Protein backbone atom coordinates (compact mmCIF):
# COMPACT_ATOMS: atom_id res chain seq x y z
CA MET A 1 -103.15 263.31 286.51
CA THR A 2 -103.68 266.12 284.02
CA ILE A 3 -107.23 267.28 283.26
CA ILE A 4 -107.95 270.16 280.88
CA ALA A 5 -111.47 271.48 280.32
CA MET A 6 -112.11 273.75 277.36
CA THR A 7 -114.91 275.84 275.95
CA ARG A 8 -114.59 277.35 272.49
CA GLU A 9 -116.41 279.58 270.06
CA MET A 10 -117.44 278.22 266.67
CA GLY A 11 -114.70 279.09 264.18
CA SER A 12 -112.12 279.80 266.87
CA LEU A 13 -110.00 276.71 266.03
CA GLY A 14 -110.61 275.42 269.55
CA LYS A 15 -111.21 271.94 268.16
CA ASP A 16 -107.73 271.97 266.58
CA VAL A 17 -106.22 273.18 269.84
CA ALA A 18 -107.96 270.42 271.82
CA GLU A 19 -106.86 267.68 269.41
CA GLY A 20 -103.28 268.95 269.30
CA LEU A 21 -103.11 269.26 273.07
CA ALA A 22 -104.39 265.73 273.56
CA ARG A 23 -101.66 264.43 271.25
CA GLU A 24 -98.98 266.58 272.91
CA LEU A 25 -99.78 265.48 276.47
CA GLY A 26 -101.07 261.98 275.76
CA LEU A 27 -104.57 262.78 277.02
CA LYS A 28 -107.85 261.07 276.24
CA LEU A 29 -109.94 263.44 274.11
CA LEU A 30 -113.55 263.41 275.26
CA TYR A 31 -116.47 264.79 273.29
CA HIS A 32 -118.75 262.43 271.38
CA GLN A 33 -118.55 259.68 274.02
CA VAL A 34 -120.76 261.78 276.31
CA ILE A 35 -123.57 261.76 273.74
CA ASP A 36 -123.46 257.96 273.58
CA ALA A 37 -123.91 257.56 277.34
CA VAL A 38 -126.51 260.32 277.78
CA SER A 39 -128.67 259.18 274.87
CA GLU A 40 -128.73 255.67 276.35
CA LYS A 41 -129.77 256.94 279.80
CA MET A 42 -132.48 259.19 278.36
CA HIS A 43 -133.64 256.64 275.77
CA LEU A 44 -133.35 259.24 273.01
CA PRO A 45 -131.52 259.15 269.67
CA GLN A 46 -128.17 260.90 269.66
CA ASN A 47 -129.21 263.27 266.86
CA VAL A 48 -132.14 264.55 268.96
CA ILE A 49 -129.82 265.43 271.85
CA THR A 50 -127.27 267.00 269.49
CA ARG A 51 -129.86 269.22 267.81
CA PHE A 52 -131.24 270.25 271.20
CA LEU A 53 -127.80 271.27 272.46
CA GLN A 54 -127.21 273.26 269.26
CA GLY A 55 -130.56 275.02 269.61
CA LYS A 56 -131.87 273.42 266.41
CA GLU A 57 -134.55 271.16 267.84
CA GLY A 58 -138.06 271.19 266.46
CA LEU A 59 -141.17 271.65 268.62
CA ILE A 60 -141.73 267.92 269.14
CA GLU A 61 -138.06 267.25 269.84
CA GLY A 62 -138.01 270.09 272.36
CA LEU A 63 -140.88 268.49 274.23
CA ARG A 64 -139.14 265.10 274.24
CA VAL A 65 -135.98 266.38 275.94
CA ASP A 66 -136.08 266.68 279.73
CA LYS A 67 -133.68 269.57 280.35
CA ASP A 68 -133.04 268.72 284.01
CA ALA A 69 -132.34 265.07 283.22
CA LEU A 70 -130.04 266.04 280.35
CA SER A 71 -128.00 268.34 282.60
CA LEU A 72 -127.80 265.76 285.37
CA TYR A 73 -126.82 262.79 283.19
CA THR A 74 -124.29 264.91 281.31
CA ALA A 75 -122.67 265.99 284.58
CA GLU A 76 -122.67 262.41 285.83
CA GLU A 77 -120.86 261.19 282.72
CA VAL A 78 -118.33 264.04 282.60
CA LEU A 79 -117.39 263.72 286.27
CA ASP A 80 -117.22 259.94 286.08
CA ILE A 81 -114.76 260.03 283.19
CA ALA A 82 -112.81 262.94 284.68
CA SER A 83 -112.22 260.94 287.86
CA GLN A 84 -110.08 258.59 285.74
CA GLY A 85 -107.68 261.48 284.96
CA ASN A 86 -105.50 262.25 281.93
CA LEU A 87 -108.33 263.93 280.08
CA MET A 88 -108.86 266.69 277.52
CA ILE A 89 -112.57 267.52 277.46
CA ARG A 90 -114.12 270.05 275.10
CA GLY A 91 -117.58 271.42 275.78
CA TRP A 92 -120.32 269.78 277.85
CA GLY A 93 -120.12 272.49 280.51
CA ALA A 94 -116.90 270.89 281.74
CA THR A 95 -115.26 274.22 282.57
CA CYS A 96 -118.05 274.85 285.10
CA LEU A 97 -118.50 271.29 286.31
CA LEU A 98 -114.80 270.81 286.99
CA ARG A 99 -113.86 274.31 288.12
CA PRO A 100 -114.19 273.40 291.85
CA VAL A 101 -111.38 270.88 291.34
CA SER A 102 -108.13 272.75 291.88
CA HIS A 103 -105.93 270.66 289.55
CA VAL A 104 -108.20 271.10 286.51
CA VAL A 105 -107.09 273.72 283.96
CA CYS A 106 -110.10 275.61 282.58
CA VAL A 107 -109.54 277.26 279.19
CA ARG A 108 -111.53 279.35 276.72
CA VAL A 109 -110.53 279.65 273.06
CA CYS A 110 -112.04 282.57 271.16
CA ALA A 111 -111.62 284.83 268.12
CA PRO A 112 -113.33 287.93 266.65
CA LEU A 113 -116.63 287.36 264.85
CA ALA A 114 -115.32 288.55 261.48
CA LEU A 115 -112.45 286.06 261.57
CA ARG A 116 -114.69 283.23 262.73
CA THR A 117 -117.08 284.03 259.87
CA GLN A 118 -114.24 283.82 257.36
CA ARG A 119 -113.08 280.48 258.77
CA ILE A 120 -116.56 278.96 258.70
CA MET A 121 -117.03 280.09 255.10
CA GLU A 122 -113.76 278.38 254.16
CA ARG A 123 -114.64 275.25 256.11
CA LEU A 124 -118.09 274.93 254.54
CA GLY A 125 -116.96 276.04 251.09
CA ILE A 126 -119.49 278.87 250.86
CA ASP A 127 -119.20 282.53 249.86
CA ASP A 128 -122.13 283.89 251.84
CA PRO A 129 -120.85 285.72 254.95
CA GLU A 130 -124.38 286.41 256.19
CA LEU A 131 -125.21 282.70 256.21
CA ALA A 132 -121.98 281.82 258.02
CA GLN A 133 -122.45 284.61 260.57
CA THR A 134 -126.04 283.62 261.24
CA GLU A 135 -124.91 280.06 262.00
CA ILE A 136 -122.19 281.31 264.34
CA LYS A 137 -124.53 283.66 266.21
CA HIS A 138 -127.13 280.91 266.56
CA ASN A 139 -124.51 278.55 267.96
CA ASP A 140 -123.22 281.20 270.38
CA ALA A 141 -126.75 282.00 271.57
CA ALA A 142 -127.59 278.32 272.15
CA HIS A 143 -124.40 277.82 274.15
CA ALA A 144 -124.97 280.98 276.18
CA ALA A 145 -128.54 279.91 277.01
CA THR A 146 -127.42 276.43 278.04
CA MET A 147 -124.68 277.72 280.36
CA LEU A 148 -127.01 280.29 281.91
CA ARG A 149 -129.75 277.70 282.50
CA ARG A 150 -127.44 275.00 283.88
CA PHE A 151 -124.95 277.05 285.88
CA GLY A 152 -126.32 280.58 286.08
CA ILE A 153 -123.23 282.08 284.46
CA ASP A 154 -122.23 284.13 281.44
CA TRP A 155 -119.94 281.76 279.53
CA GLN A 156 -117.94 284.74 278.20
CA ASP A 157 -117.11 285.92 281.73
CA SER A 158 -113.32 285.83 281.91
CA THR A 159 -113.33 285.01 285.63
CA GLN A 160 -114.64 281.53 284.82
CA TYR A 161 -111.34 280.51 283.20
CA ASP A 162 -107.68 280.10 284.09
CA LEU A 163 -106.56 280.98 280.56
CA ILE A 164 -108.24 282.70 277.59
CA LEU A 165 -106.61 282.49 274.16
CA ASN A 166 -107.54 284.57 271.11
CA THR A 167 -106.56 282.70 267.93
CA GLU A 168 -106.56 285.92 265.93
CA ARG A 169 -103.19 286.67 267.56
CA VAL A 170 -102.13 283.32 269.05
CA SER A 171 -101.51 280.38 266.71
CA VAL A 172 -102.87 276.91 267.39
CA ALA A 173 -99.34 275.70 268.13
CA ASP A 174 -98.75 278.53 270.61
CA CYS A 175 -102.13 277.88 272.27
CA ILE A 176 -101.13 274.26 272.77
CA GLU A 177 -97.76 275.30 274.19
CA GLN A 178 -99.27 277.78 276.65
CA ILE A 179 -101.97 275.41 277.92
CA ALA A 180 -99.48 272.56 278.27
CA ALA A 181 -97.10 274.82 280.21
CA LEU A 182 -99.86 275.94 282.58
CA SER A 183 -100.96 272.35 283.20
CA LYS A 184 -97.44 271.53 284.40
CA ARG A 185 -97.28 274.35 286.96
CA PRO A 186 -97.33 273.32 290.66
CA ALA A 187 -100.75 274.91 291.23
CA PHE A 188 -102.34 272.48 288.76
CA GLN A 189 -100.81 269.25 290.01
CA GLU A 190 -103.14 266.68 291.51
CA THR A 191 -103.01 266.33 295.29
CA ALA A 192 -104.86 264.11 297.73
CA ALA A 193 -107.16 267.05 298.50
CA SER A 194 -107.91 267.88 294.86
CA ARG A 195 -108.48 264.20 294.12
CA ALA A 196 -111.02 264.12 296.95
CA GLU A 197 -112.71 267.23 295.50
CA LEU A 198 -113.22 265.46 292.19
CA LEU A 199 -114.35 262.13 293.63
CA ASN A 200 -116.86 263.79 295.96
CA LEU A 201 -118.27 265.88 293.10
CA SER A 202 -118.74 262.70 291.09
CA LEU A 203 -120.29 260.94 294.07
CA SER A 204 -122.77 263.76 294.71
CA THR A 205 -123.84 263.76 291.07
CA HIS A 206 -124.38 259.99 291.11
CA ILE A 207 -126.66 260.36 294.14
CA HIS A 208 -128.68 263.11 292.44
CA ALA A 209 -128.99 260.87 289.37
CA SER A 210 -130.19 257.97 291.54
CA LEU A 211 -132.81 260.23 293.14
CA ARG A 212 -133.92 261.25 289.66
CA LYS A 213 -134.25 257.69 288.40
CA ASP A 214 -136.37 256.45 291.32
CA PRO A 215 -140.06 257.45 290.95
CA LYS A 216 -140.38 257.68 294.75
CA THR A 217 -137.63 260.30 295.04
CA ARG A 218 -137.76 262.00 291.62
CA SER A 219 -139.53 265.11 292.86
CA ILE A 220 -137.25 265.62 295.89
CA ARG A 221 -134.93 268.62 295.60
CA ILE A 222 -131.99 268.57 298.00
CA SER A 223 -128.35 269.60 297.92
CA ILE A 224 -125.43 267.30 298.57
CA ALA A 225 -122.27 268.89 299.94
CA ASN A 226 -118.83 267.65 300.83
CA HIS A 227 -118.11 267.38 304.54
CA PRO A 228 -115.90 270.21 305.85
CA ASP A 229 -113.19 267.71 306.81
CA GLY A 230 -112.75 266.97 303.10
CA GLU A 231 -112.76 263.22 303.61
CA THR A 232 -113.54 261.30 300.44
CA GLY A 233 -116.90 259.57 300.64
CA THR A 234 -118.32 261.70 303.46
CA ILE A 235 -121.34 263.70 302.27
CA VAL A 236 -123.82 266.10 303.83
CA LEU A 237 -127.52 266.01 302.88
CA ARG A 238 -129.27 269.39 303.02
CA GLY A 239 -132.73 270.61 302.06
CA ILE A 240 -136.38 270.16 302.97
CA VAL A 241 -138.36 266.91 302.65
CA LEU A 242 -142.06 266.33 303.23
CA ASP A 243 -141.88 263.84 306.08
CA ASP A 244 -139.70 261.36 307.95
CA ALA A 245 -140.48 258.63 305.42
CA GLU A 246 -139.12 260.78 302.61
CA ARG A 247 -136.05 261.58 304.69
CA ARG A 248 -135.41 257.88 305.24
CA LEU A 249 -135.77 257.22 301.50
CA VAL A 250 -133.14 259.84 300.69
CA GLU A 251 -130.76 258.78 303.45
CA ASP A 252 -131.07 255.11 302.53
CA LEU A 253 -130.42 255.80 298.85
CA ALA A 254 -127.39 257.95 299.68
CA THR A 255 -126.00 255.37 302.11
CA ARG A 256 -126.28 252.60 299.53
CA SER A 257 -124.54 254.61 296.79
CA PRO A 258 -121.13 253.16 295.79
CA GLY A 259 -118.29 255.15 297.31
CA VAL A 260 -120.28 256.63 300.19
CA ARG A 261 -118.61 255.97 303.54
CA LYS A 262 -120.60 258.28 305.77
CA VAL A 263 -123.81 260.31 305.45
CA VAL A 264 -124.41 263.40 307.59
CA ASP A 265 -128.16 264.08 307.62
CA GLN A 266 -129.00 267.78 307.84
CA LEU A 267 -132.34 267.45 306.06
CA GLN A 268 -135.28 269.37 307.46
CA VAL A 269 -138.77 267.87 307.54
CA MET A 270 -141.83 269.92 306.68
CA VAL A 271 -144.49 269.62 309.40
CA GLY A 272 -147.52 271.73 308.63
CA HIS A 273 -146.02 275.18 308.13
CA ASP A 274 -142.93 274.41 310.19
CA VAL A 275 -139.80 272.41 309.61
CA HIS A 276 -137.69 270.42 311.98
CA THR A 277 -134.30 268.79 311.80
CA PRO A 278 -133.14 265.37 313.06
CA LEU A 279 -131.85 267.14 316.18
CA ASP A 280 -135.23 268.62 317.13
CA GLY A 281 -136.69 265.28 318.21
């Protein structure tokens, strides 16, 4: 099933490319639906989350938004929907979240600042290039900060994408044609292995979200990895917990998570200034 993840610059026409591509390939176009789900989980109005993501939140709104929870619940929603396949998703860090999945096409749509400024002026019906450029730069800075905080990457780094398209020289129609053609290449076809990659990513994120929601495990910081054999539903727990009781809490929560078939416990327990693993006895 085809999955295309896109990031775009304001004024690059990336939105037009995404909409046209979804029509061309018969894909579900995902954007605003994520806000609905995340705002419900965080018990916050959608406009508060939107302003925060755009870097336009006020002081009080900034204090209301839990950045870690926002990142986690966003990832949970994106991966959950992506696991259904046939998806065109724009934004939401999807190019980073889904990059480990080999059949996902990751695309960036960009354009020079001067051209983006002209387009935004036309779109907003204004004749003030300074105002339009300030808005663009603010949007770019907010996006860059979000991607750096969540994933530790420079979102303009070309190595993060399979295809980068500059709409100064490539029309919207040609962008759609090139992305569609790449999505049909053998390297981007779904396989049993790539399907397992996606499902295990989604599963790991659900477990992290469950840890976050439970007051007893909220402060625990562990990593959840796929088992080397690549089997869907087999996960590896890694990290340091305070004691055996905390380890049991984590293992029990992971075991009870839907989709988990087997849990490999590699957690280490802090004992005084030392740590020990389940194999130490």
